[in-house]
């Protein structure tokens, strides 16, 4: 893991001290709320429906056990005993008092964390594959490059006031778990013809009110050219991007309106100017960073007790079937800890759960954790001999739910329960779906399925790329939920299609049940997933299940 250098330490401490002064001036009335707003947003502080919300960066989703314990302490001391992990691999505290925020920032700085650039029209927290550094399918660990991008983009003087917010995602695996095609810039590590590792560079992705899948601007970019090429893209966007209409200010609109070829030409011209200015300094920094991401000393002992525990305990066997992923080191597994126990709020973790996870990371995972964009926690390096004991320990805090990738493993934004932008509730819909399908016993039979829920058009719940997407809207003061089908966040990225009119709040769960019962009847074989069946059959049979009265009229 990356550890702060003296520069990082001084920079974060200075920013925290600056914000302390700004908060004091807001409290004593020297600053109005309008004057304070851009200052607090530069430090990740929002004013939500009920209170301030502080968004803390977890760069490329990597946490140490020490950092997670500090987050637990913050939750207890200055919040309500829990935090919320987001689709940007951040954590949000929803109830801090303004007067306490400077103390929180100081507490974060002491464990090499901050909230800088988690808001505002700047380059936000760089996200990465949550299995980075552990996955069996990985070409190379992308986190050193993600850290290099973080350092380059933090307080970059040219990019603090972009036309709109800007997001970069990176993966080192051919199986895209970082949603790269829905980012302003997506980076996929690939091998060139000589076998050297470089990047496929994607631009112009994004969700929100105008969802678009990103386009490839460079199929292969040498690693040493990455930072100058990123600088060329962002500086080109900074000049060409619209500032007359915030809804048309994202880079996806810039690329769409100008065309990918014209945008590429402008980027390439700028790249030729910029690359000379770097002179290899960034590669020296990258080499230093890479030294901090050396893999841990993996245990080489044979696996014992694992197969016996699976045979003896059906619940443990079910958990291992859903929550484990292949690790690159023999005898190890990547463990995804579900924060989606049936009926709970997706992504919420109590302080007690955080402390337990920190302890288990020290005991079984070399002190490392990851946060996924799917709002779960990962223990990346667990020897399979330790899995039975780990499972028993997770059960003590309700963290052993065997549902990763299933219908109850739902992504959901905070919705109207917290967010001032939301137009409908997300959390109760997610809870209702999860508990209903558990109660009727169909969760395992349905199998792999991605449901994503957003409480407004801003799409923080990624509903556009859900196999089933649910968007909550306000229709004349009444919650109304649109359903989209066929979205995908992987290397086969696709935007889901709206299939018909929306549903009232109490109609959503019955509609989803009709949809999935139709899928079970239509699938070719038990291994055919919902998304594969949808691609094979098209939307019509699923639309008929969602709107049976309309289907009956058409048949008549």
Protein backbone atom coordinates (compact mmCIF):
# COMPACT_ATOMS: atom_id res chain seq x y z
CA UNK A 1 0.00 0.00 0.00
CA UNK A 2 1.04 3.56 -0.62
CA UNK A 3 2.32 5.48 2.40
CA UNK A 4 2.43 9.25 2.42
CA UNK A 5 5.71 10.95 1.67
CA UNK A 6 6.64 14.13 3.56
CA UNK A 7 5.05 16.19 0.79
CA UNK A 8 1.72 14.31 1.05
CA UNK A 9 1.71 14.69 4.82
CA UNK A 10 2.39 18.43 4.70
CA UNK A 11 -0.10 19.03 1.88
CA UNK A 12 -3.00 17.27 3.59
CA UNK A 13 -2.26 18.88 6.97
CA UNK A 14 -2.11 22.32 5.36
CA UNK A 15 -5.43 21.82 3.59
CA UNK A 16 -7.05 20.66 6.83
CA UNK A 17 -5.75 23.76 8.64
CA UNK A 18 -7.03 26.02 5.86
CA UNK A 19 -10.47 24.47 6.08
CA UNK A 20 -10.51 24.80 9.86
CA UNK A 21 -10.09 28.56 9.39
CA UNK A 22 -12.83 28.63 6.76
CA UNK A 23 -15.25 26.73 9.02
CA UNK A 24 -14.56 29.13 11.88
CA UNK A 25 -15.32 32.06 9.58
CA UNK A 26 -18.57 30.44 8.45
CA UNK A 27 -19.66 29.80 12.03
CA UNK A 28 -18.91 33.35 13.19
CA UNK A 29 -20.72 34.78 10.16
CA UNK A 30 -17.71 36.20 8.34
CA UNK A 31 -18.58 33.95 5.40
CA UNK A 32 -22.08 33.58 3.98
CA UNK A 33 -23.32 30.16 2.90
CA UNK A 34 -22.88 31.18 -0.74
CA UNK A 35 -19.28 32.18 -0.05
CA UNK A 36 -18.64 29.03 2.00
CA UNK A 37 -20.18 26.60 -0.48
CA UNK A 38 -17.26 26.36 -2.96
CA UNK A 39 -14.80 26.09 -0.07
CA UNK A 40 -16.63 23.19 1.59
CA UNK A 41 -17.14 21.39 -1.72
CA UNK A 42 -13.39 21.51 -2.36
CA UNK A 43 -13.11 19.50 0.86
CA UNK A 44 -15.90 17.00 0.21
CA UNK A 45 -18.50 18.58 2.49
CA UNK A 46 -22.08 18.66 1.23
CA UNK A 47 -25.25 20.08 2.75
CA UNK A 48 -27.86 17.36 2.40
CA UNK A 49 -31.52 17.03 3.35
CA UNK A 50 -31.02 16.76 7.11
CA UNK A 51 -27.40 17.60 7.87
CA UNK A 52 -23.94 18.03 6.42
CA UNK A 53 -22.44 15.01 4.69
CA UNK A 54 -18.68 14.43 4.52
CA UNK A 55 -17.38 12.33 1.62
CA UNK A 56 -13.97 10.77 2.26
CA UNK A 57 -11.74 9.44 -0.51
CA UNK A 58 -10.61 5.83 -0.56
CA UNK A 59 -8.21 6.08 -3.51
CA UNK A 60 -8.61 3.15 -5.92
CA UNK A 61 -10.61 1.39 -3.19
CA UNK A 62 -7.63 0.36 -1.05
CA UNK A 63 -7.76 0.59 2.76
CA UNK A 64 -5.47 -0.56 5.54
CA UNK A 65 -6.80 -2.04 8.76
CA UNK A 66 -5.49 1.04 10.63
CA UNK A 67 -7.44 3.34 8.35
CA UNK A 68 -10.64 1.35 8.74
CA UNK A 69 -10.33 1.47 12.53
CA UNK A 70 -9.99 5.24 12.29
CA UNK A 71 -13.16 5.43 10.20
CA UNK A 72 -14.92 3.39 12.90
CA UNK A 73 -13.69 5.85 15.53
CA UNK A 74 -14.95 8.80 13.46
CA UNK A 75 -18.33 7.10 13.07
CA UNK A 76 -18.68 6.72 16.83
CA UNK A 77 -17.24 10.05 17.93
CA UNK A 78 -18.65 12.45 15.36
CA UNK A 79 -21.44 10.64 13.54
CA UNK A 80 -24.15 8.07 14.39
CA UNK A 81 -22.05 4.93 14.55
CA UNK A 82 -21.97 3.96 10.89
CA UNK A 83 -20.69 5.00 7.47
CA UNK A 84 -21.92 4.51 3.93
CA UNK A 85 -19.67 3.09 1.19
CA UNK A 86 -20.46 4.48 -2.25
CA UNK A 87 -20.19 3.50 -5.91
CA UNK A 88 -17.13 5.78 -6.16
CA UNK A 89 -15.19 3.73 -3.58
CA UNK A 90 -15.66 6.55 -1.06
CA UNK A 91 -17.16 6.52 2.41
CA UNK A 92 -19.75 9.07 3.47
CA UNK A 93 -20.67 10.21 6.96
CA UNK A 94 -24.18 11.62 6.91
CA UNK A 95 -24.46 13.38 10.28
CA UNK A 96 -21.33 15.38 11.20
CA UNK A 97 -21.67 18.79 12.83
CA UNK A 98 -19.97 21.56 10.92
CA UNK A 99 -17.90 22.52 13.95
CA UNK A 100 -16.54 18.95 14.16
CA UNK A 101 -15.46 18.59 10.52
CA UNK A 102 -11.96 20.13 11.02
CA UNK A 103 -11.29 17.62 13.80
CA UNK A 104 -12.45 14.81 11.50
CA UNK A 105 -10.07 15.98 8.79
CA UNK A 106 -7.20 16.03 11.28
CA UNK A 107 -8.11 12.48 12.37
CA UNK A 108 -8.11 11.39 8.72
CA UNK A 109 -4.76 13.03 8.03
CA UNK A 110 -3.20 11.08 10.89
CA UNK A 111 -3.89 7.83 8.97
CA UNK A 112 -3.08 9.18 5.50
CA UNK A 113 -6.65 9.92 4.39
CA UNK A 114 -8.49 13.04 3.26
CA UNK A 115 -11.62 14.34 1.52
CA UNK A 116 -9.89 16.53 -1.07
CA UNK A 117 -11.49 16.52 -4.55
CA UNK A 118 -14.35 14.23 -3.58
CA UNK A 119 -16.58 16.99 -4.89
CA UNK A 120 -16.43 19.94 -7.26
CA UNK A 121 -15.70 20.36 -10.96
CA UNK A 122 -12.34 18.70 -10.77
CA UNK A 123 -10.81 15.22 -11.13
CA UNK A 124 -12.52 13.11 -8.50
CA UNK A 125 -11.33 10.03 -6.59
CA UNK A 126 -9.63 7.62 -9.01
CA UNK A 127 -11.36 4.25 -8.88
CA UNK A 128 -9.99 0.81 -9.74
CA UNK A 129 -10.85 -2.86 -9.93
CA UNK A 130 -11.62 -3.88 -6.35
CA UNK A 131 -9.69 -7.13 -6.83
CA UNK A 132 -6.57 -5.25 -7.93
CA UNK A 133 -3.31 -6.87 -6.85
CA UNK A 134 -5.02 -10.20 -6.18
CA UNK A 135 -7.12 -11.31 -9.15
CA UNK A 136 -6.08 -14.43 -11.06
CA UNK A 137 -7.06 -12.82 -14.38
CA UNK A 138 -5.02 -9.66 -13.82
CA UNK A 139 -2.42 -8.55 -16.37
CA UNK A 140 -0.84 -6.19 -13.87
CA UNK A 141 -1.79 -4.44 -10.63
CA UNK A 142 -3.27 -1.08 -11.74
CA UNK A 143 -3.03 0.59 -8.33
CA UNK A 144 0.48 2.09 -8.73
CA UNK A 145 -0.75 3.82 -11.89
CA UNK A 146 -3.92 4.90 -10.08
CA UNK A 147 -1.76 6.40 -7.31
CA UNK A 148 0.34 8.21 -9.91
CA UNK A 149 -2.86 9.66 -11.40
CA UNK A 150 -4.03 10.67 -7.92
CA UNK A 151 -0.82 12.56 -7.27
CA UNK A 152 -0.85 14.22 -10.70
CA UNK A 153 -4.49 15.30 -10.46
CA UNK A 154 -4.55 16.49 -6.84
CA UNK A 155 -4.58 20.28 -6.77
CA UNK A 156 -3.55 20.39 -10.43
CA UNK A 157 -3.63 24.15 -11.12
CA UNK A 158 -5.23 23.81 -14.56
CA UNK A 159 -7.93 21.33 -13.58
CA UNK A 160 -9.55 22.71 -10.43
CA UNK A 161 -12.37 24.46 -12.32
CA UNK A 162 -13.27 22.17 -15.20
CA UNK A 163 -16.58 22.58 -17.03
CA UNK A 164 -17.94 19.74 -14.87
CA UNK A 165 -16.81 16.95 -12.53
CA UNK A 166 -14.40 14.42 -14.02
CA UNK A 167 -13.98 10.73 -13.20
CA UNK A 168 -11.24 8.25 -14.10
CA UNK A 169 -11.48 4.48 -13.65
CA UNK A 170 -8.78 1.86 -14.26
CA UNK A 171 -8.59 -1.93 -14.45
CA UNK A 172 -5.69 -4.31 -14.91
CA UNK A 173 -7.90 -7.23 -15.96
CA UNK A 174 -9.59 -8.17 -19.23
CA UNK A 175 -12.74 -8.80 -17.19
CA UNK A 176 -13.77 -5.23 -16.45
CA UNK A 177 -14.87 -4.84 -12.83
CA UNK A 178 -14.17 -1.08 -12.75
CA UNK A 179 -16.98 0.10 -15.10
CA UNK A 180 -14.34 1.80 -17.25
CA UNK A 181 -16.70 2.47 -20.16
CA UNK A 182 -18.96 4.60 -17.96
CA UNK A 183 -16.16 6.98 -16.94
CA UNK A 184 -15.02 10.28 -18.40
CA UNK A 185 -11.74 8.44 -18.96
CA UNK A 186 -11.54 4.68 -18.69
CA UNK A 187 -8.21 2.85 -18.71
CA UNK A 188 -7.87 -0.87 -19.43
CA UNK A 189 -4.44 -2.45 -19.13
CA UNK A 190 -3.70 -4.47 -22.27
CA UNK A 191 -0.69 -6.09 -23.91
CA UNK A 192 0.69 -4.68 -27.14
CA UNK A 193 2.04 -6.69 -30.04
CA UNK A 194 5.45 -6.93 -28.36
CA UNK A 195 3.90 -8.15 -25.11
CA UNK A 196 4.52 -4.85 -23.31
CA UNK A 197 1.79 -3.64 -20.99
CA UNK A 198 0.01 -0.45 -21.98
CA UNK A 199 -3.50 0.99 -21.94
CA UNK A 200 -6.62 1.00 -24.00
CA UNK A 201 -7.86 4.56 -23.44
CA UNK A 202 -11.62 5.21 -23.45
CA UNK A 203 -13.22 8.66 -23.34
CA UNK A 204 -16.69 10.10 -23.12
CA UNK A 205 -18.45 7.57 -20.93
CA UNK A 206 -20.89 8.59 -18.25
CA UNK A 207 -24.35 8.02 -16.85
CA UNK A 208 -26.73 10.67 -15.48
CA UNK A 209 -29.45 12.26 -17.59
CA UNK A 210 -27.59 11.52 -20.85
CA UNK A 211 -26.02 8.07 -20.46
CA UNK A 212 -23.28 7.15 -22.90
CA UNK A 213 -20.80 4.32 -23.30
CA UNK A 214 -17.26 5.60 -23.73
CA UNK A 215 -15.39 5.30 -27.02
CA UNK A 216 -11.85 4.11 -27.60
CA UNK A 217 -9.59 7.04 -28.39
CA UNK A 218 -6.36 5.03 -28.29
CA UNK A 219 -6.38 1.20 -28.58
CA UNK A 220 -2.85 1.04 -27.19
CA UNK A 221 -0.93 3.69 -25.28
CA UNK A 222 2.53 3.05 -23.90
CA UNK A 223 2.71 3.24 -20.14
CA UNK A 224 5.31 6.01 -20.20
CA UNK A 225 2.92 8.17 -22.25
CA UNK A 226 -0.01 7.84 -19.89
CA UNK A 227 0.22 11.04 -17.83
CA UNK A 228 0.95 13.34 -20.78
CA UNK A 229 -1.91 11.72 -22.70
CA UNK A 230 -4.30 12.18 -19.77
CA UNK A 231 -3.17 15.78 -19.48
CA UNK A 232 -3.83 16.23 -23.20
CA UNK A 233 -7.36 14.82 -22.88
CA UNK A 234 -8.32 16.86 -19.84
CA UNK A 235 -6.80 20.11 -21.12
CA UNK A 236 -8.54 19.63 -24.49
CA UNK A 237 -11.83 19.10 -22.68
CA UNK A 238 -11.15 22.12 -20.49
CA UNK A 239 -10.98 24.26 -23.64
CA UNK A 240 -13.67 22.58 -25.76
CA UNK A 241 -16.14 21.65 -23.01
CA UNK A 242 -19.33 23.68 -22.71
CA UNK A 243 -19.83 26.04 -19.78
CA UNK A 244 -23.15 27.57 -20.86
CA UNK A 245 -25.24 24.62 -19.66
CA UNK A 246 -24.18 22.35 -16.81
CA UNK A 247 -26.28 19.50 -18.20
CA UNK A 248 -24.17 19.58 -21.38
CA UNK A 249 -20.81 20.23 -19.76
CA UNK A 250 -19.51 16.69 -19.29
CA UNK A 251 -16.84 15.36 -21.64
CA UNK A 252 -19.31 12.83 -23.05
CA UNK A 253 -21.23 15.75 -24.60
CA UNK A 254 -18.01 17.33 -25.84
CA UNK A 255 -17.05 14.11 -27.61
CA UNK A 256 -20.58 13.58 -28.93
CA UNK A 257 -21.00 17.11 -30.30
CA UNK A 258 -17.56 17.28 -31.91
CA UNK A 259 -17.26 13.62 -32.89
CA UNK A 260 -14.62 11.20 -31.70
CA UNK A 261 -12.33 11.84 -34.69
CA UNK A 262 -12.21 15.63 -34.23
CA UNK A 263 -11.76 15.22 -30.49
CA UNK A 264 -8.98 12.67 -31.03
CA UNK A 265 -7.20 15.01 -33.45
CA UNK A 266 -7.27 17.82 -30.89
CA UNK A 267 -6.02 15.50 -28.14
CA UNK A 268 -3.19 14.13 -30.29
CA UNK A 269 -2.04 17.64 -31.20
CA UNK A 270 -2.05 18.65 -27.56
CA UNK A 271 -0.29 15.41 -26.61
CA UNK A 272 2.64 16.22 -28.90
CA UNK A 273 3.07 19.50 -27.02
CA UNK A 274 2.59 18.08 -23.53
CA UNK A 275 4.73 14.94 -23.67
CA UNK A 276 7.95 16.97 -24.00
CA UNK A 277 7.19 18.73 -20.72
CA UNK A 278 7.23 15.54 -18.64
CA UNK A 279 10.71 14.37 -19.55
CA UNK A 280 10.41 11.05 -17.73
CA UNK A 281 10.02 12.54 -14.26
CA UNK A 282 6.65 10.84 -13.86
CA UNK A 283 8.23 7.44 -14.59
CA UNK A 284 10.71 7.93 -11.77
CA UNK A 285 7.80 8.71 -9.44
CA UNK A 286 5.93 5.64 -10.73
CA UNK A 287 8.92 3.41 -10.02
CA UNK A 288 9.01 4.67 -6.42
CA UNK A 289 5.27 4.08 -6.06
CA UNK A 290 5.50 0.56 -7.48
CA UNK A 291 7.94 -0.32 -4.72
CA UNK A 292 5.18 0.27 -2.17
CA UNK A 293 2.79 -2.12 -3.89
CA UNK A 294 4.90 -5.26 -3.67
CA UNK A 295 2.65 -8.27 -3.00
CA UNK A 296 2.67 -9.67 0.54
CA UNK A 297 4.49 -12.88 1.40
CA UNK A 298 1.77 -15.38 0.54
CA UNK A 299 1.61 -18.56 2.57
CA UNK A 300 2.80 -21.63 0.69
CA UNK A 301 1.42 -24.26 3.09
CA UNK A 302 -1.12 -26.71 1.68
CA UNK A 303 -4.81 -26.03 2.21
CA UNK A 304 -6.29 -27.91 5.17
CA UNK A 305 -9.81 -28.08 6.55
CA UNK A 306 -11.51 -26.18 3.75
CA UNK A 307 -13.06 -29.06 1.84
CA UNK A 308 -14.10 -30.74 5.09
CA UNK A 309 -15.84 -27.54 6.27
CA UNK A 310 -17.69 -27.24 2.95
CA UNK A 311 -18.89 -30.82 3.22
CA UNK A 312 -19.99 -30.44 6.84
CA UNK A 313 -21.75 -27.03 6.70
CA UNK A 314 -24.20 -26.21 3.88
CA UNK A 315 -24.31 -22.54 4.93
CA UNK A 316 -20.53 -22.26 4.69
CA UNK A 317 -20.59 -24.06 1.35
CA UNK A 318 -23.19 -21.61 0.03
CA UNK A 319 -21.08 -18.66 1.19
CA UNK A 320 -17.98 -20.01 -0.53
CA UNK A 321 -19.96 -20.57 -3.73
CA UNK A 322 -21.02 -16.91 -3.97
CA UNK A 323 -18.50 -14.79 -2.05
CA UNK A 324 -15.12 -16.14 -3.21
CA UNK A 325 -13.13 -15.20 -6.31
CA UNK A 326 -10.04 -16.86 -7.76
CA UNK A 327 -6.75 -15.49 -6.43
CA UNK A 328 -3.49 -15.35 -8.34
CA UNK A 329 -1.60 -17.12 -5.52
CA UNK A 330 -2.14 -20.87 -5.11
CA UNK A 331 -4.12 -21.82 -2.03
CA UNK A 332 -5.64 -18.35 -1.61
CA UNK A 333 -9.00 -16.72 -2.31
CA UNK A 334 -10.40 -13.22 -2.62
CA UNK A 335 -13.26 -12.82 -0.15
CA UNK A 336 -16.07 -10.38 -0.82
CA UNK A 337 -17.83 -9.47 2.42
CA UNK A 338 -21.41 -8.54 1.64
CA UNK A 339 -22.78 -5.32 3.13
CA UNK A 340 -26.19 -6.39 1.82
CA UNK A 341 -27.69 -8.57 4.52
CA UNK A 342 -31.36 -8.93 3.60
CA UNK A 343 -33.32 -5.89 4.74
CA UNK A 344 -30.31 -3.68 5.52
CA UNK A 345 -29.22 -0.50 3.74
CA UNK A 346 -26.84 -1.39 0.87
CA UNK A 347 -23.35 -0.09 1.58
CA UNK A 348 -23.84 0.81 5.24
CA UNK A 349 -21.33 -0.51 7.77
CA UNK A 350 -21.52 0.00 11.52
CA UNK A 351 -18.47 0.94 13.54
CA UNK A 352 -18.52 -2.53 15.12
CA UNK A 353 -18.49 -4.12 11.67
CA UNK A 354 -15.61 -1.88 10.58
CA UNK A 355 -13.54 -2.84 13.63
CA UNK A 356 -14.21 -6.53 13.08
CA UNK A 357 -13.22 -6.27 9.43
CA UNK A 358 -10.02 -4.44 10.41
CA UNK A 359 -9.18 -7.20 12.91
CA UNK A 360 -9.91 -9.92 10.36
CA UNK A 361 -7.80 -8.14 7.75
CA UNK A 362 -4.86 -8.19 10.16
CA UNK A 363 -5.46 -11.81 11.05
CA UNK A 364 -6.17 -13.24 7.60
CA UNK A 365 -5.45 -10.71 4.81
CA UNK A 366 -2.09 -9.04 5.50
CA UNK A 367 -3.83 -5.96 6.89
CA UNK A 368 -5.38 -5.04 3.52
CA UNK A 369 -8.96 -4.37 2.46
CA UNK A 370 -10.67 -3.09 -0.64
CA UNK A 371 -13.94 -1.23 -1.13
CA UNK A 372 -15.86 -2.14 -4.28
CA UNK A 373 -17.98 0.15 -6.43
CA UNK A 374 -20.69 -2.41 -5.68
CA UNK A 375 -20.68 -1.23 -2.04
CA UNK A 376 -19.08 -4.29 -0.50
CA UNK A 377 -15.80 -4.88 1.35
CA UNK A 378 -13.08 -7.21 0.10
CA UNK A 379 -10.45 -9.14 2.02
CA UNK A 380 -8.08 -9.66 -0.92
CA UNK A 381 -5.56 -12.23 0.33
CA UNK A 382 -7.07 -15.05 2.42
CA UNK A 383 -5.54 -18.53 2.59
CA UNK A 384 -8.23 -21.12 2.03
CA UNK A 385 -7.30 -22.88 5.27
CA UNK A 386 -8.49 -19.77 7.13
CA UNK A 387 -11.86 -19.50 5.42
CA UNK A 388 -13.88 -21.58 7.94
CA UNK A 389 -12.62 -19.50 10.87
CA UNK A 390 -13.13 -16.27 8.91
CA UNK A 391 -16.72 -17.24 8.12
CA UNK A 392 -17.51 -17.95 11.77
CA UNK A 393 -16.04 -14.57 12.78
CA UNK A 394 -18.01 -12.69 10.12
CA UNK A 395 -21.25 -14.18 11.40
CA UNK A 396 -20.82 -12.42 14.75
CA UNK A 397 -21.54 -9.03 13.14
CA UNK A 398 -23.97 -10.09 10.43
CA UNK A 399 -21.33 -10.04 7.69
CA UNK A 400 -21.57 -13.62 6.42
CA UNK A 401 -24.47 -13.20 4.00
CA UNK A 402 -24.01 -15.55 1.04
CA UNK A 403 -25.43 -13.33 -1.68
CA UNK A 404 -22.61 -11.66 -3.64
CA UNK A 405 -23.75 -11.35 -7.25
CA UNK A 406 -27.30 -12.46 -6.47
CA UNK A 407 -30.54 -10.48 -6.54
CA UNK A 408 -30.14 -9.04 -3.02
CA UNK A 409 -26.61 -7.77 -3.75
CA UNK A 410 -28.15 -4.52 -4.97
CA UNK A 411 -26.39 -1.24 -5.68
CA UNK A 412 -28.49 1.63 -4.36
CA UNK A 413 -27.80 5.32 -3.84
CA UNK A 414 -28.98 6.94 -0.57
CA UNK A 415 -31.98 8.39 -2.39
CA UNK A 416 -34.50 10.67 -0.76
CA UNK A 417 -33.70 9.34 2.70
CA UNK A 418 -30.56 11.52 2.66
CA UNK A 419 -29.84 13.25 -0.65
CA UNK A 420 -31.08 16.76 -1.42
CA UNK A 421 -31.06 15.99 -5.16
CA UNK A 422 -33.11 12.78 -4.97
CA UNK A 423 -36.66 12.63 -6.30
CA UNK A 424 -37.56 9.21 -4.87
CA UNK A 425 -36.47 6.66 -2.29
CA UNK A 426 -33.93 4.00 -3.22
CA UNK A 427 -33.14 2.25 0.06
CA UNK A 428 -36.67 0.91 0.80
CA UNK A 429 -36.97 -0.43 -2.75
CA UNK A 430 -33.67 -2.30 -2.37
CA UNK A 431 -34.71 -3.64 1.03
CA UNK A 432 -38.10 -4.73 -0.29
CA UNK A 433 -36.65 -6.64 -3.23
CA UNK A 434 -34.01 -8.36 -1.09
CA UNK A 435 -36.39 -9.51 1.64
CA UNK A 436 -39.16 -10.52 -0.77
CA UNK A 437 -37.07 -12.86 -2.90
CA UNK A 438 -35.48 -14.40 0.16
CA UNK A 439 -38.96 -15.01 1.61
CA UNK A 440 -40.27 -16.72 -1.54
CA UNK A 441 -37.09 -18.79 -1.88
CA UNK A 442 -36.11 -17.77 -5.42
CA UNK A 443 -32.79 -16.01 -4.85
CA UNK A 444 -30.55 -18.99 -5.49
CA UNK A 445 -32.65 -20.24 -8.39
CA UNK A 446 -32.48 -16.86 -10.15
CA UNK A 447 -28.71 -16.88 -9.87
CA UNK A 448 -26.36 -14.14 -11.07
CA UNK A 449 -28.16 -10.83 -11.48
CA UNK A 450 -27.25 -7.15 -11.16
CA UNK A 451 -29.99 -4.84 -9.94
CA UNK A 452 -29.01 -1.17 -9.61
CA UNK A 453 -31.25 1.56 -8.19
CA UNK A 454 -30.99 5.35 -8.42
CA UNK A 455 -33.19 7.86 -6.63
CA UNK A 456 -32.82 10.52 -9.32
CA UNK A 457 -31.62 11.14 -12.86
CA UNK A 458 -28.03 11.71 -11.68
CA UNK A 459 -27.67 7.91 -11.58
CA UNK A 460 -25.39 7.50 -8.56
CA UNK A 461 -26.82 3.98 -8.29
CA UNK A 462 -25.61 3.15 -11.84
CA UNK A 463 -29.11 2.03 -12.86
CA UNK A 464 -28.34 2.50 -16.57
CA UNK A 465 -25.83 -0.39 -16.49
CA UNK A 466 -27.86 -2.76 -14.34
CA UNK A 467 -29.19 -5.97 -15.84
CA UNK A 468 -32.32 -4.57 -14.24
CA UNK A 469 -32.16 -0.84 -13.59
CA UNK A 470 -34.62 1.05 -11.43
CA UNK A 471 -34.86 4.86 -11.56
CA UNK A 472 -37.00 6.71 -9.03
CA UNK A 473 -38.66 9.90 -10.26
CA UNK A 474 -41.21 12.41 -9.03
CA UNK A 475 -44.45 12.43 -11.00
CA UNK A 476 -46.67 15.25 -9.71
CA UNK A 477 -45.50 14.67 -6.15
CA UNK A 478 -45.77 10.87 -6.34
CA UNK A 479 -42.84 8.45 -6.53
CA UNK A 480 -42.68 6.66 -9.86
CA UNK A 481 -40.09 4.04 -10.80
CA UNK A 482 -38.89 3.41 -14.34
CA UNK A 483 -37.42 0.00 -15.16
CA UNK A 484 -34.66 -0.53 -17.70
CA UNK A 485 -33.42 -3.90 -18.94
CA UNK A 486 -30.25 -5.16 -20.56
CA UNK A 487 -27.64 -2.86 -19.07
CA UNK A 488 -24.13 -4.14 -18.39
CA UNK A 489 -21.15 -2.57 -16.58
CA UNK A 490 -18.49 -5.05 -17.73
CA UNK A 491 -16.28 -5.25 -20.85
CA UNK A 492 -19.59 -5.89 -22.67
CA UNK A 493 -20.89 -2.53 -21.44
CA UNK A 494 -24.36 -1.49 -22.50
CA UNK A 495 -26.99 1.05 -21.49
CA UNK A 496 -30.27 -0.57 -20.48
CA UNK A 497 -33.45 0.15 -22.42
CA UNK A 498 -36.55 1.66 -20.86
CA UNK A 499 -39.32 -0.84 -21.53
CA UNK A 500 -42.48 1.07 -20.64
CA UNK A 501 -44.22 3.36 -18.18
CA UNK A 502 -43.08 3.56 -14.58
CA UNK A 503 -44.52 1.84 -11.52
CA UNK A 504 -45.85 3.20 -8.26
CA UNK A 505 -43.77 2.52 -5.16
CA UNK A 506 -45.86 -0.46 -4.03
CA UNK A 507 -45.92 -1.97 -7.53
CA UNK A 508 -42.15 -2.29 -7.98
CA UNK A 509 -41.54 -5.56 -6.13
CA UNK A 510 -44.52 -7.37 -7.78
CA UNK A 511 -43.31 -6.13 -11.19
CA UNK A 512 -39.80 -7.47 -10.56
CA UNK A 513 -41.27 -10.81 -9.44
CA UNK A 514 -43.32 -11.10 -12.65
CA UNK A 515 -40.23 -10.26 -14.67
CA UNK A 516 -38.02 -12.84 -12.99
CA UNK A 517 -40.63 -15.60 -12.99
CA UNK A 518 -40.86 -15.04 -16.73
CA UNK A 519 -37.07 -15.33 -16.98
CA UNK A 520 -37.10 -18.64 -15.07
CA UNK A 521 -39.71 -19.99 -17.46
CA UNK A 522 -37.91 -18.73 -20.57
CA UNK A 523 -34.27 -19.53 -19.90
CA UNK A 524 -32.66 -22.24 -22.00
CA UNK A 525 -31.07 -24.04 -19.07
CA UNK A 526 -30.41 -23.35 -15.37
CA UNK A 527 -26.97 -21.87 -16.09
CA UNK A 528 -28.31 -19.23 -18.50
CA UNK A 529 -28.22 -15.92 -16.62
CA UNK A 530 -30.87 -13.24 -16.87
CA UNK A 531 -28.67 -10.98 -19.00
CA UNK A 532 -27.83 -13.81 -21.39
CA UNK A 533 -31.49 -14.76 -21.71
CA UNK A 534 -32.39 -11.12 -22.36
CA UNK A 535 -29.77 -10.85 -25.10
CA UNK A 536 -30.99 -14.06 -26.70
CA UNK A 537 -34.71 -13.31 -26.56
CA UNK A 538 -34.86 -9.53 -26.75
CA UNK A 539 -37.13 -7.31 -24.65
CA UNK A 540 -40.59 -8.39 -25.83
CA UNK A 541 -41.25 -11.40 -23.54
CA UNK A 542 -39.94 -9.49 -20.54
CA UNK A 543 -42.01 -6.43 -21.38
CA UNK A 544 -45.06 -8.68 -21.58
CA UNK A 545 -44.34 -9.95 -18.07
CA UNK A 546 -43.96 -6.44 -16.70
CA UNK A 547 -47.15 -5.17 -18.37
CA UNK A 548 -49.51 -8.17 -18.57
CA UNK A 549 -52.63 -6.06 -19.18
CA UNK A 550 -51.02 -4.36 -22.15
CA UNK A 551 -49.87 -7.73 -23.47
CA UNK A 552 -53.40 -9.12 -23.12
CA UNK A 553 -54.84 -6.17 -25.06
CA UNK A 554 -52.30 -6.64 -27.84
CA UNK A 555 -53.12 -10.36 -28.02
CA UNK A 556 -56.84 -9.61 -28.29
